[in-house]
Amino acid sequence: MAGTGVFAEILDGDVFKYYAEGEWKKSSSGKSVPIINPTSRKTQYKVQACTQEEVNKVMDTAKSAQKSWAKTPLWKRAELLHKAAAILKEHKAPIAECLIKEIAKPAKDAVTEVVRSGDLISYCAEEGVRILGEGKFLVSDSFPGNERSKYCLTSKIPLGVILAIPPFNYPVNLAVSKIAPALIAGNSLVLKPPTQGAVAALHMVYCFHLAGFPKGLISCVTGKGSEIGDFLTMHPGVNCISFTGGDTGIAISKKASMIPLQMELGGKDACIVLEDADLDLVAANIVKGGFSYSGQRCTAVKVVLVMESVADTLVGKVNAKVAKLTVGPPEDDCDITPVVSESSANFIEGLVMDAKQKEATFCQEYRREGNLIWPLLLDNVRPDMRIAWEEPFGPVLPVIRINSVEEGIHHCNASNFGLQGCVFTRDINKAMLISDAMETGTVQINSAPARGPDHFPFQGLRDSGIGSQGITNSIGMMTKIKSTVINLPTPSYTMG
């Protein structure tokens, strides 16, 4: 169980400690932040409400620890990461339990997230050794007008202190996707986990603690965003911010000082379906892409743009699959589980009621109990409905019927978001042309949008983000180029 056995050190009474200077600590504030179980809507866990003074101490420690860590051999950094990955996978059960109770992630998916995270850490360790173990050698006479009088050696060096802020829906996987690249590159890491998901993140950090990383290199501070959120993101000790989430990321990007930002924000991933598409394949991907984890994924299918001539058939096939989805508590490994909070459920309901008022076709009866919303397909959605543009982050999917490919592309590109999209057609030439025209970070051909595998590049346009993720790109984002130029003396004799 959470906070027991090997993890007993991180729990004090009924409040989980935060992690700093290699120790598990109680905040001097004497306050805690409750974590509400989305299913029961009652307090499940409590975490420390850290103070700004404690954040200052964490930053000072992180800066000091990073200088020593940067001198640690690459093979040693990789060795510790491999060890942390093995410990994480060994303790997948109690961490998965936290995910089930904090964010209502279905039991099977919760275990998968932890195992996937361990694999990500190991892959990052290996990739980091390859990337960071190589530099470049340049000579001056390759540029016009220069003699062979200068040699330039380049290598990648760490940025310093990385602030990592993952979202509630993948609090372990999207935390390690920031932690592992930062550490292999020689940075120190300060983690601010989401409130919902904080206890799972603390358990994950304990696995790094058990692996034997130097004290102060990794810190995890918990607390209210209103008290330490802006203080963290605007802290002068931070050298890079890696954030995954929603609108908060836009606010951070406007407030942050002149430091690198890695931002993966919201999405309204469009699914364009042509007349020649395999509609059984499309229906399966729409249901998986739109309704898995109750639609609470940045890369979930958020709007279906289907050619009118095949719309009736596709909607029928999707409805048949939606009817088979199981709805209930995450402990039962149901397909549809409660959304993360009451406020999220209320927001989703607002989009549904707007669509109802504007006469969208409800393919299922709208049903809600607490935070649990039954899957809902909305047909005949028009551009004047909120659901056509806003991200529900829930199990509600709009279908817009189109009369041309150009109409679908236009709707996709008119969105404020540009994370991913997908196109279904048997004509690869059409698929490539549509992909080129869609203004999104990634286009999937004949498959639903997806973030993984974790070593693939992952980025968005417009309000969907800044910079690129994926293991290789994250290592690149968290390092900078250092050049050393050797200036050769003018020879006093002619080489023979």
Protein backbone atom coordinates (compact mmCIF):
# COMPACT_ATOMS: atom_id res chain seq x y z
CA MET A 1 0.00 0.00 0.00
CA ALA A 2 1.01 3.63 -0.48
CA GLY A 3 3.36 4.95 2.19
CA THR A 4 4.05 1.52 3.71
CA GLY A 5 6.82 -1.05 3.49
CA VAL A 6 9.88 0.37 1.77
CA PHE A 7 8.01 3.67 1.30
CA ALA A 8 7.20 4.17 5.02
CA GLU A 9 9.86 6.87 5.31
CA ILE A 10 7.91 9.30 3.11
CA LEU A 11 4.78 9.33 5.31
CA ASP A 12 4.40 11.26 8.57
CA GLY A 13 1.10 10.44 10.22
CA ASP A 14 -1.37 10.99 7.42
CA VAL A 15 0.71 13.55 5.48
CA PHE A 16 3.33 12.66 2.87
CA LYS A 17 6.66 14.45 3.22
CA TYR A 18 8.47 16.45 0.56
CA TYR A 19 12.01 15.65 -0.62
CA ALA A 20 15.01 17.96 -0.29
CA GLU A 21 18.74 17.61 0.43
CA GLY A 22 18.40 13.86 0.14
CA GLU A 23 15.94 13.75 3.06
CA TRP A 24 12.19 13.42 3.54
CA LYS A 25 10.93 16.47 5.37
CA LYS A 26 7.90 18.10 6.95
CA SER A 27 7.17 21.68 5.95
CA SER A 28 7.67 24.42 8.51
CA SER A 29 4.27 25.76 7.43
CA GLY A 30 2.55 23.05 9.45
CA LYS A 31 -0.05 22.96 6.68
CA SER A 32 -1.04 20.28 4.19
CA VAL A 33 -2.85 20.08 0.87
CA PRO A 34 -5.63 17.48 0.48
CA ILE A 35 -5.80 15.17 -2.52
CA ILE A 36 -9.35 14.25 -3.43
CA ASN A 37 -10.14 10.78 -4.73
CA PRO A 38 -12.09 11.40 -7.98
CA THR A 39 -14.27 8.32 -7.40
CA SER A 40 -15.28 8.83 -3.78
CA ARG A 41 -14.83 12.63 -3.89
CA LYS A 42 -13.33 12.39 -0.42
CA THR A 43 -9.82 13.20 0.80
CA GLN A 44 -7.55 10.27 -0.05
CA TYR A 45 -4.11 11.65 0.77
CA LYS A 46 -2.42 14.79 2.08
CA VAL A 47 0.89 16.35 1.09
CA GLN A 48 3.07 19.07 2.62
CA ALA A 49 2.33 22.71 1.83
CA CYS A 50 5.88 23.91 1.25
CA THR A 51 6.83 27.54 1.82
CA GLN A 52 8.71 29.98 -0.39
CA GLU A 53 11.61 29.88 2.07
CA GLU A 54 11.80 26.11 1.62
CA VAL A 55 11.78 26.57 -2.15
CA ASN A 56 14.74 28.97 -1.80
CA LYS A 57 16.69 26.36 0.16
CA VAL A 58 15.88 23.71 -2.43
CA MET A 59 17.14 25.95 -5.23
CA ASP A 60 20.40 26.72 -3.40
CA THR A 61 20.99 23.03 -2.76
CA ALA A 62 20.15 22.12 -6.36
CA LYS A 63 22.63 24.67 -7.70
CA SER A 64 25.42 23.34 -5.49
CA ALA A 65 24.68 19.68 -6.21
CA GLN A 66 24.57 20.29 -9.95
CA LYS A 67 28.14 21.55 -10.11
CA SER A 68 29.45 18.30 -8.67
CA TRP A 69 27.07 16.16 -10.71
CA ALA A 70 28.22 17.78 -13.97
CA LYS A 71 31.70 16.38 -13.25
CA THR A 72 30.37 12.87 -12.69
CA PRO A 73 31.34 10.54 -15.58
CA LEU A 74 28.59 9.83 -18.07
CA TRP A 75 28.78 6.09 -17.48
CA LYS A 76 28.16 6.66 -13.76
CA ARG A 77 25.15 8.88 -14.41
CA ALA A 78 23.74 6.19 -16.71
CA GLU A 79 24.42 3.47 -14.16
CA LEU A 80 22.39 5.26 -11.50
CA LEU A 81 19.53 5.87 -13.93
CA HIS A 82 19.40 2.18 -14.84
CA LYS A 83 19.29 1.37 -11.14
CA ALA A 84 16.41 3.81 -10.56
CA ALA A 85 14.51 2.30 -13.51
CA ALA A 86 14.82 -1.19 -12.06
CA ILE A 87 13.67 -0.06 -8.61
CA LEU A 88 10.71 1.79 -10.12
CA LYS A 89 9.50 -1.27 -12.01
CA GLU A 90 10.06 -3.46 -8.95
CA HIS A 91 7.64 -1.27 -6.98
CA LYS A 92 5.04 -0.77 -9.69
CA ALA A 93 2.13 -2.07 -7.57
CA PRO A 94 2.07 0.59 -4.79
CA ILE A 95 2.74 3.39 -7.30
CA ALA A 96 -0.07 2.14 -9.53
CA GLU A 97 -2.32 2.10 -6.46
CA CYS A 98 -1.66 5.82 -6.00
CA LEU A 99 -2.56 6.49 -9.64
CA ILE A 100 -5.83 4.61 -9.22
CA LYS A 101 -6.83 6.55 -6.11
CA GLU A 102 -5.48 10.01 -7.03
CA ILE A 103 -6.45 10.33 -10.68
CA ALA A 104 -8.86 7.38 -11.22
CA LYS A 105 -6.60 5.78 -13.79
CA PRO A 106 -7.82 2.26 -14.67
CA ALA A 107 -5.79 -0.38 -12.82
CA LYS A 108 -4.19 -1.94 -15.89
CA ASP A 109 -3.23 1.45 -17.35
CA ALA A 110 -1.77 2.53 -14.00
CA VAL A 111 0.64 -0.41 -13.95
CA THR A 112 1.51 0.20 -17.60
CA GLU A 113 2.41 3.82 -16.85
CA VAL A 114 4.92 2.81 -14.18
CA VAL A 115 6.55 0.09 -16.31
CA ARG A 116 6.70 2.41 -19.31
CA SER A 117 8.37 5.03 -17.13
CA GLY A 118 11.08 2.60 -16.10
CA ASP A 119 11.72 1.75 -19.74
CA LEU A 120 11.91 5.46 -20.56
CA ILE A 121 14.57 6.03 -17.89
CA SER A 122 16.72 3.15 -19.16
CA TYR A 123 16.43 4.20 -22.79
CA CYS A 124 17.32 7.76 -21.83
CA ALA A 125 20.43 6.58 -19.98
CA GLU A 126 21.66 4.69 -23.03
CA GLU A 127 20.74 7.42 -25.51
CA GLY A 128 22.34 10.08 -23.32
CA VAL A 129 25.66 8.27 -23.25
CA ARG A 130 25.64 8.13 -27.06
CA ILE A 131 24.53 11.73 -27.63
CA LEU A 132 26.61 13.39 -24.94
CA GLY A 133 29.64 11.21 -25.59
CA GLU A 134 30.10 12.72 -29.03
CA GLY A 135 31.17 16.21 -30.02
CA LYS A 136 32.04 17.94 -33.29
CA PHE A 137 35.32 18.98 -34.82
CA LEU A 138 35.25 21.91 -37.25
CA VAL A 139 38.02 23.53 -39.25
CA SER A 140 38.06 27.15 -40.33
CA ASP A 141 38.96 26.71 -44.02
CA SER A 142 35.58 25.16 -44.80
CA PHE A 143 34.15 28.70 -44.76
CA PRO A 144 35.10 31.00 -47.69
CA GLY A 145 37.98 33.42 -47.11
CA ASN A 146 39.56 31.49 -44.23
CA GLU A 147 42.80 29.60 -43.93
CA ARG A 148 43.15 26.38 -41.96
CA SER A 149 44.17 28.35 -38.89
CA LYS A 150 41.42 27.51 -36.39
CA TYR A 151 40.08 24.26 -34.98
CA CYS A 152 36.74 24.25 -33.15
CA LEU A 153 35.74 21.54 -30.67
CA THR A 154 32.07 21.49 -29.59
CA SER A 155 30.32 19.51 -26.88
CA LYS A 156 27.02 19.59 -24.99
CA ILE A 157 27.04 20.87 -21.41
CA PRO A 158 24.20 21.05 -18.85
CA LEU A 159 22.04 24.14 -18.34
CA GLY A 160 22.00 23.95 -14.53
CA VAL A 161 18.78 23.61 -12.52
CA ILE A 162 15.77 22.19 -14.37
CA LEU A 163 12.27 22.88 -13.01
CA ALA A 164 9.96 20.02 -14.00
CA ILE A 165 6.17 20.39 -13.78
CA PRO A 166 4.20 17.36 -15.02
CA PRO A 167 0.38 17.14 -15.37
CA PHE A 168 -2.14 15.11 -13.38
CA ASN A 169 -2.94 12.60 -16.12
CA TYR A 170 0.57 11.10 -16.32
CA PRO A 171 2.24 12.26 -13.09
CA VAL A 172 4.85 9.50 -13.18
CA ASN A 173 5.57 9.03 -16.88
CA LEU A 174 5.64 12.73 -17.74
CA ALA A 175 7.76 13.41 -14.66
CA VAL A 176 10.45 10.90 -15.59
CA SER A 177 10.35 12.15 -19.19
CA LYS A 178 11.79 15.35 -17.71
CA ILE A 179 13.87 13.93 -14.87
CA ALA A 180 15.86 11.35 -16.84
CA PRO A 181 17.05 13.69 -19.66
CA ALA A 182 17.91 16.37 -17.12
CA LEU A 183 20.03 14.03 -15.00
CA ILE A 184 21.87 12.22 -17.78
CA ALA A 185 22.79 15.63 -19.20
CA GLY A 186 24.38 16.71 -15.91
CA ASN A 187 21.61 18.96 -14.58
CA SER A 188 19.95 18.98 -11.17
CA LEU A 189 16.17 18.64 -10.99
CA VAL A 190 13.43 20.30 -8.95
CA LEU A 191 10.06 18.58 -9.37
CA LYS A 192 6.76 20.29 -8.64
CA PRO A 193 4.18 17.52 -9.10
CA PRO A 194 0.49 18.22 -9.72
CA THR A 195 -1.69 18.04 -6.61
CA GLN A 196 -3.68 15.15 -8.11
CA GLY A 197 -0.84 12.70 -8.69
CA ALA A 198 1.57 14.13 -6.13
CA VAL A 199 1.70 10.99 -3.98
CA ALA A 200 2.46 8.77 -6.98
CA ALA A 201 5.22 11.23 -7.92
CA LEU A 202 6.66 11.16 -4.40
CA HIS A 203 6.79 7.36 -4.52
CA MET A 204 8.56 7.59 -7.89
CA VAL A 205 11.10 10.06 -6.46
CA TYR A 206 11.75 7.64 -3.61
CA CYS A 207 12.90 5.11 -6.20
CA PHE A 208 15.54 7.62 -7.34
CA HIS A 209 16.41 8.15 -3.67
CA LEU A 210 16.96 4.40 -3.23
CA ALA A 211 19.14 4.32 -6.34
CA GLY A 212 21.71 6.50 -4.53
CA PHE A 213 21.77 9.79 -6.43
CA PRO A 214 23.77 12.55 -4.68
CA LYS A 215 21.96 14.58 -2.02
CA GLY A 216 20.29 17.71 -3.30
CA LEU A 217 20.47 16.66 -6.95
CA ILE A 218 16.77 15.76 -7.04
CA SER A 219 14.13 17.62 -5.05
CA CYS A 220 10.35 17.33 -4.95
CA VAL A 221 8.33 20.17 -3.46
CA THR A 222 4.58 20.00 -2.96
CA GLY A 223 2.09 22.72 -2.14
CA LYS A 224 -0.48 25.13 -3.42
CA GLY A 225 0.16 26.67 -6.79
CA SER A 226 -1.13 29.98 -5.47
CA GLU A 227 1.70 30.05 -2.91
CA ILE A 228 4.70 28.49 -4.63
CA GLY A 229 3.65 28.16 -8.30
CA ASP A 230 4.72 31.56 -9.65
CA PHE A 231 7.52 31.69 -7.09
CA LEU A 232 9.01 28.54 -8.60
CA THR A 233 8.57 29.43 -12.26
CA MET A 234 9.99 32.94 -11.79
CA HIS A 235 12.78 31.88 -9.43
CA PRO A 236 16.20 33.22 -10.52
CA GLY A 237 17.80 29.89 -9.65
CA VAL A 238 15.91 28.06 -12.42
CA ASN A 239 17.80 27.60 -15.70
CA CYS A 240 15.12 25.77 -17.70
CA ILE A 241 11.42 24.98 -17.27
CA SER A 242 9.89 21.79 -18.61
CA PHE A 243 6.11 21.97 -18.25
CA THR A 244 3.26 19.78 -19.43
CA GLY A 245 -0.30 20.93 -18.89
CA GLY A 246 -2.84 23.45 -20.10
CA ASP A 247 -3.36 27.21 -20.08
CA THR A 248 -1.07 27.61 -17.07
CA GLY A 249 1.84 26.98 -19.42
CA ILE A 250 0.96 30.04 -21.49
CA ALA A 251 0.99 32.17 -18.34
CA ILE A 252 4.35 30.68 -17.33
CA SER A 253 5.86 31.44 -20.73
CA LYS A 254 4.86 35.08 -20.38
CA LYS A 255 6.32 35.43 -16.88
CA ALA A 256 9.49 33.37 -17.16
CA SER A 257 12.82 35.12 -17.57
CA MET A 258 15.13 34.53 -20.52
CA ILE A 259 15.58 30.79 -20.03
CA PRO A 260 14.79 27.81 -22.26
CA LEU A 261 11.17 26.62 -22.08
CA GLN A 262 9.88 23.19 -22.96
CA MET A 263 6.10 23.44 -23.03
CA GLU A 264 3.58 20.81 -24.07
CA LEU A 265 0.14 22.28 -23.57
CA GLY A 266 -3.39 21.50 -24.76
CA GLY A 267 -4.66 19.98 -27.96
CA LYS A 268 -7.76 19.73 -30.09
CA ASP A 269 -6.50 16.83 -32.17
CA ALA A 270 -8.51 16.52 -35.37
CA CYS A 271 -9.29 13.22 -37.09
CA ILE A 272 -9.93 13.67 -40.83
CA VAL A 273 -11.72 10.73 -42.46
CA LEU A 274 -11.84 10.39 -46.26
CA GLU A 275 -14.35 8.39 -48.32
CA ASP A 276 -11.90 5.58 -49.09
CA ALA A 277 -10.91 4.98 -45.45
CA ASP A 278 -11.22 1.60 -43.77
CA LEU A 279 -14.17 2.57 -41.55
CA ASP A 280 -13.75 -0.37 -39.19
CA LEU A 281 -10.16 0.74 -38.57
CA VAL A 282 -11.33 4.34 -38.17
CA ALA A 283 -14.05 3.43 -35.67
CA ALA A 284 -11.66 1.37 -33.55
CA ASN A 285 -9.13 4.22 -33.46
CA ILE A 286 -11.74 6.87 -32.73
CA VAL A 287 -13.02 4.94 -29.72
CA LYS A 288 -9.53 4.14 -28.47
CA GLY A 289 -8.19 7.60 -29.22
CA GLY A 290 -11.20 9.54 -28.01
CA PHE A 291 -12.34 7.61 -24.94
CA SER A 292 -9.34 5.83 -23.37
CA TYR A 293 -8.67 7.17 -19.87
CA SER A 294 -12.00 9.01 -20.24
CA GLY A 295 -10.53 11.30 -22.89
CA GLN A 296 -8.12 12.87 -20.38
CA ARG A 297 -5.14 12.84 -22.71
CA CYS A 298 -3.56 15.73 -24.56
CA THR A 299 -3.36 13.53 -27.66
CA ALA A 300 -6.92 12.20 -27.44
CA VAL A 301 -9.02 12.48 -30.59
CA LYS A 302 -10.91 15.71 -29.85
CA VAL A 303 -12.90 16.25 -33.06
CA VAL A 304 -13.83 13.97 -35.95
CA LEU A 305 -14.04 15.61 -39.40
CA VAL A 306 -15.67 13.03 -41.65
CA MET A 307 -16.78 13.25 -45.27
CA GLU A 308 -20.56 13.44 -45.47
CA SER A 309 -20.82 10.45 -47.82
CA VAL A 310 -19.48 8.02 -45.18
CA ALA A 311 -20.55 9.83 -42.03
CA ASP A 312 -23.69 7.79 -41.30
CA THR A 313 -21.81 4.51 -41.63
CA LEU A 314 -18.90 5.68 -39.47
CA VAL A 315 -21.13 7.09 -36.74
CA GLY A 316 -23.03 3.79 -36.62
CA LYS A 317 -19.82 1.80 -36.23
CA VAL A 318 -18.50 4.14 -33.50
CA ASN A 319 -21.79 4.00 -31.60
CA ALA A 320 -21.69 0.19 -31.64
CA LYS A 321 -18.25 0.25 -30.02
CA VAL A 322 -19.14 2.97 -27.51
CA ALA A 323 -22.04 0.81 -26.32
CA LYS A 324 -19.52 -1.88 -25.30
CA LEU A 325 -17.35 0.42 -23.17
CA THR A 326 -17.44 -0.37 -19.46
CA VAL A 327 -18.15 2.50 -17.07
CA GLY A 328 -17.27 2.55 -13.39
CA PRO A 329 -14.46 2.72 -10.80
CA PRO A 330 -10.80 2.45 -11.81
CA GLU A 331 -10.28 -0.46 -9.40
CA ASP A 332 -12.49 -2.53 -11.71
CA ASP A 333 -10.32 -1.58 -14.69
CA CYS A 334 -13.28 0.06 -16.44
CA ASP A 335 -12.82 1.80 -19.78
CA ILE A 336 -14.51 4.98 -18.56
CA THR A 337 -13.66 6.15 -15.04
CA PRO A 338 -14.41 9.40 -13.17
CA VAL A 339 -12.73 12.53 -14.50
CA VAL A 340 -10.15 14.05 -12.20
CA SER A 341 -12.28 16.66 -10.39
CA GLU A 342 -15.73 18.11 -9.96
CA SER A 343 -14.64 21.31 -11.68
CA SER A 344 -13.51 19.27 -14.71
CA ALA A 345 -16.84 17.45 -14.79
CA ASN A 346 -18.70 20.77 -14.58
CA PHE A 347 -16.66 22.20 -17.46
CA ILE A 348 -17.39 19.16 -19.63
CA GLU A 349 -21.08 19.40 -18.78
CA GLY A 350 -21.06 23.05 -19.85
CA LEU A 351 -19.79 22.05 -23.30
CA VAL A 352 -22.45 19.34 -23.54
CA MET A 353 -25.27 21.69 -22.57
CA ASP A 354 -24.10 24.27 -25.12
CA ALA A 355 -24.16 21.58 -27.82
CA LYS A 356 -27.62 20.47 -26.70
CA GLN A 357 -28.96 24.03 -26.80
CA LYS A 358 -27.59 24.40 -30.33
CA GLU A 359 -29.19 21.11 -31.42
CA ALA A 360 -26.28 18.75 -31.88
CA THR A 361 -27.36 15.13 -32.27
CA PHE A 362 -26.84 13.13 -29.06
CA CYS A 363 -25.92 9.57 -30.04
CA GLN A 364 -26.21 8.50 -26.39
CA GLU A 365 -28.14 9.91 -23.49
CA TYR A 366 -26.02 12.33 -21.47
CA ARG A 367 -25.43 10.78 -18.08
CA ARG A 368 -23.38 11.91 -15.11
CA GLU A 369 -22.97 10.73 -11.53
CA GLY A 370 -20.55 12.86 -9.52
CA ASN A 371 -17.30 12.98 -11.49
CA LEU A 372 -18.30 10.00 -13.63
CA ILE A 373 -19.51 10.95 -17.10
CA TRP A 374 -20.71 8.25 -19.49
CA PRO A 375 -19.14 8.26 -23.00
CA LEU A 376 -20.96 10.54 -25.41
CA LEU A 377 -20.68 10.96 -29.18
CA LEU A 378 -22.13 14.20 -30.54
CA ASP A 379 -23.05 14.14 -34.24
CA ASN A 380 -23.90 17.06 -36.55
CA VAL A 381 -21.75 19.46 -34.54
CA ARG A 382 -21.33 22.88 -36.12
CA PRO A 383 -18.51 25.43 -35.84
CA ASP A 384 -20.71 27.73 -33.71
CA MET A 385 -20.69 25.18 -30.86
CA ARG A 386 -18.08 25.41 -28.11
CA ILE A 387 -17.33 21.68 -28.31
CA ALA A 388 -16.08 22.23 -31.89
CA TRP A 389 -13.12 24.25 -30.60
CA GLU A 390 -12.64 23.80 -26.86
CA GLU A 391 -10.80 20.88 -25.30
CA PRO A 392 -13.21 18.91 -23.06
CA PHE A 393 -10.57 16.61 -21.54
CA GLY A 394 -13.35 14.14 -20.94
CA PRO A 395 -15.32 11.32 -22.64
CA VAL A 396 -17.25 13.56 -25.03
CA LEU A 397 -16.39 13.56 -28.75
CA PRO A 398 -17.85 15.82 -31.47
CA VAL A 399 -18.38 14.77 -35.09
CA ILE A 400 -18.38 17.46 -37.77
CA ARG A 401 -19.51 16.44 -41.24
CA ILE A 402 -17.50 17.95 -44.09
CA ASN A 403 -17.96 18.11 -47.85
CA SER A 404 -14.32 18.41 -48.87
CA VAL A 405 -10.82 17.66 -47.63
CA GLU A 406 -10.08 21.37 -47.74
CA GLU A 407 -12.93 22.00 -45.30
CA GLY A 408 -11.42 19.53 -42.84
CA ILE A 409 -7.94 21.01 -43.15
CA HIS A 410 -9.34 24.51 -42.66
CA HIS A 411 -11.09 23.52 -39.43
CA CYS A 412 -7.94 21.85 -38.13
CA ASN A 413 -5.78 24.88 -38.89
CA ALA A 414 -8.31 27.40 -37.56
CA SER A 415 -7.89 25.98 -34.06
CA ASN A 416 -5.80 27.74 -31.42
CA PHE A 417 -4.16 24.37 -30.86
CA GLY A 418 -1.77 22.42 -33.04
CA LEU A 419 -0.53 19.38 -31.13
CA GLN A 420 -1.42 16.33 -33.22
CA GLY A 421 -3.90 15.23 -35.82
CA CYS A 422 -4.66 12.16 -37.89
CA VAL A 423 -5.92 11.29 -41.34
CA PHE A 424 -7.54 8.05 -42.50
CA THR A 425 -7.33 7.07 -46.17
CA ARG A 426 -6.05 4.19 -48.30
CA ASP A 427 -4.30 6.68 -50.62
CA ILE A 428 -0.84 7.39 -49.23
CA ASN A 429 -0.35 10.26 -51.66
CA LYS A 430 -3.45 12.01 -50.34
CA ALA A 431 -2.36 11.27 -46.80
CA MET A 432 1.03 12.91 -47.31
CA LEU A 433 -0.48 15.98 -48.96
CA ILE A 434 -3.00 16.38 -46.14
CA SER A 435 -0.27 15.86 -43.55
CA ASP A 436 1.77 18.64 -45.13
CA ALA A 437 -1.25 20.94 -45.03
CA MET A 438 -2.23 20.24 -41.40
CA GLU A 439 -0.60 22.75 -39.05
CA THR A 440 0.15 20.41 -36.17
CA GLY A 441 3.31 19.11 -34.52
CA THR A 442 2.56 15.51 -35.55
CA VAL A 443 0.18 13.88 -38.00
CA GLN A 444 -0.67 10.19 -37.64
CA ILE A 445 -1.66 8.34 -40.80
CA ASN A 446 -4.29 5.63 -40.27
CA SER A 447 -3.92 5.69 -36.50
CA ALA A 448 -5.18 7.79 -33.60
CA PRO A 449 -2.89 10.48 -32.16
CA ALA A 450 -0.41 9.24 -29.56
CA ARG A 451 2.55 10.62 -27.68
CA GLY A 452 4.70 7.52 -27.80
CA PRO A 453 6.90 5.71 -28.28
CA ASP A 454 8.71 7.97 -25.85
CA HIS A 455 11.79 8.42 -28.03
CA PHE A 456 9.75 9.91 -30.90
CA PRO A 457 9.76 13.72 -31.25
CA PHE A 458 6.71 15.29 -29.65
CA GLN A 459 5.85 18.94 -30.12
CA GLY A 460 3.02 21.35 -30.80
CA LEU A 461 2.32 24.59 -32.61
CA ARG A 462 0.54 27.75 -31.44
CA ASP A 463 -1.11 27.29 -28.02
CA SER A 464 -0.02 23.63 -27.94
CA GLY A 465 3.50 24.39 -26.89
CA ILE A 466 7.10 25.53 -27.28
CA GLY A 467 10.08 23.31 -27.99
CA SER A 468 10.12 19.60 -28.62
CA GLN A 469 10.00 16.56 -26.35
CA GLY A 470 10.97 12.94 -26.86
CA ILE A 471 14.13 11.55 -25.25
CA THR A 472 16.68 12.83 -27.77
CA ASN A 473 15.05 16.23 -28.12
CA SER A 474 14.68 16.65 -24.35
CA ILE A 475 18.38 15.98 -23.83
CA GLY A 476 19.04 18.61 -26.49
CA MET A 477 16.68 21.09 -24.83
CA MET A 478 18.39 20.63 -21.46
CA THR A 479 21.92 21.21 -22.73
CA LYS A 480 23.77 23.96 -24.55
CA ILE A 481 26.69 23.94 -26.95
CA LYS A 482 30.14 24.74 -25.59
CA SER A 483 32.82 25.59 -28.14
CA THR A 484 36.56 25.63 -27.65
CA VAL A 485 38.51 27.21 -30.51
CA ILE A 486 42.19 26.43 -31.01
CA ASN A 487 43.97 29.23 -32.85
CA LEU A 488 47.03 27.97 -34.68
CA PRO A 489 50.11 30.18 -34.85
CA THR A 490 51.26 31.40 -38.25
CA PRO A 491 54.06 29.05 -39.23
CA SER A 492 57.50 30.65 -39.61
CA TYR A 493 58.48 28.04 -42.16
CA THR A 494 56.87 26.25 -45.05
CA MET A 495 55.68 22.75 -44.31
CA GLY A 496 57.34 20.36 -46.70
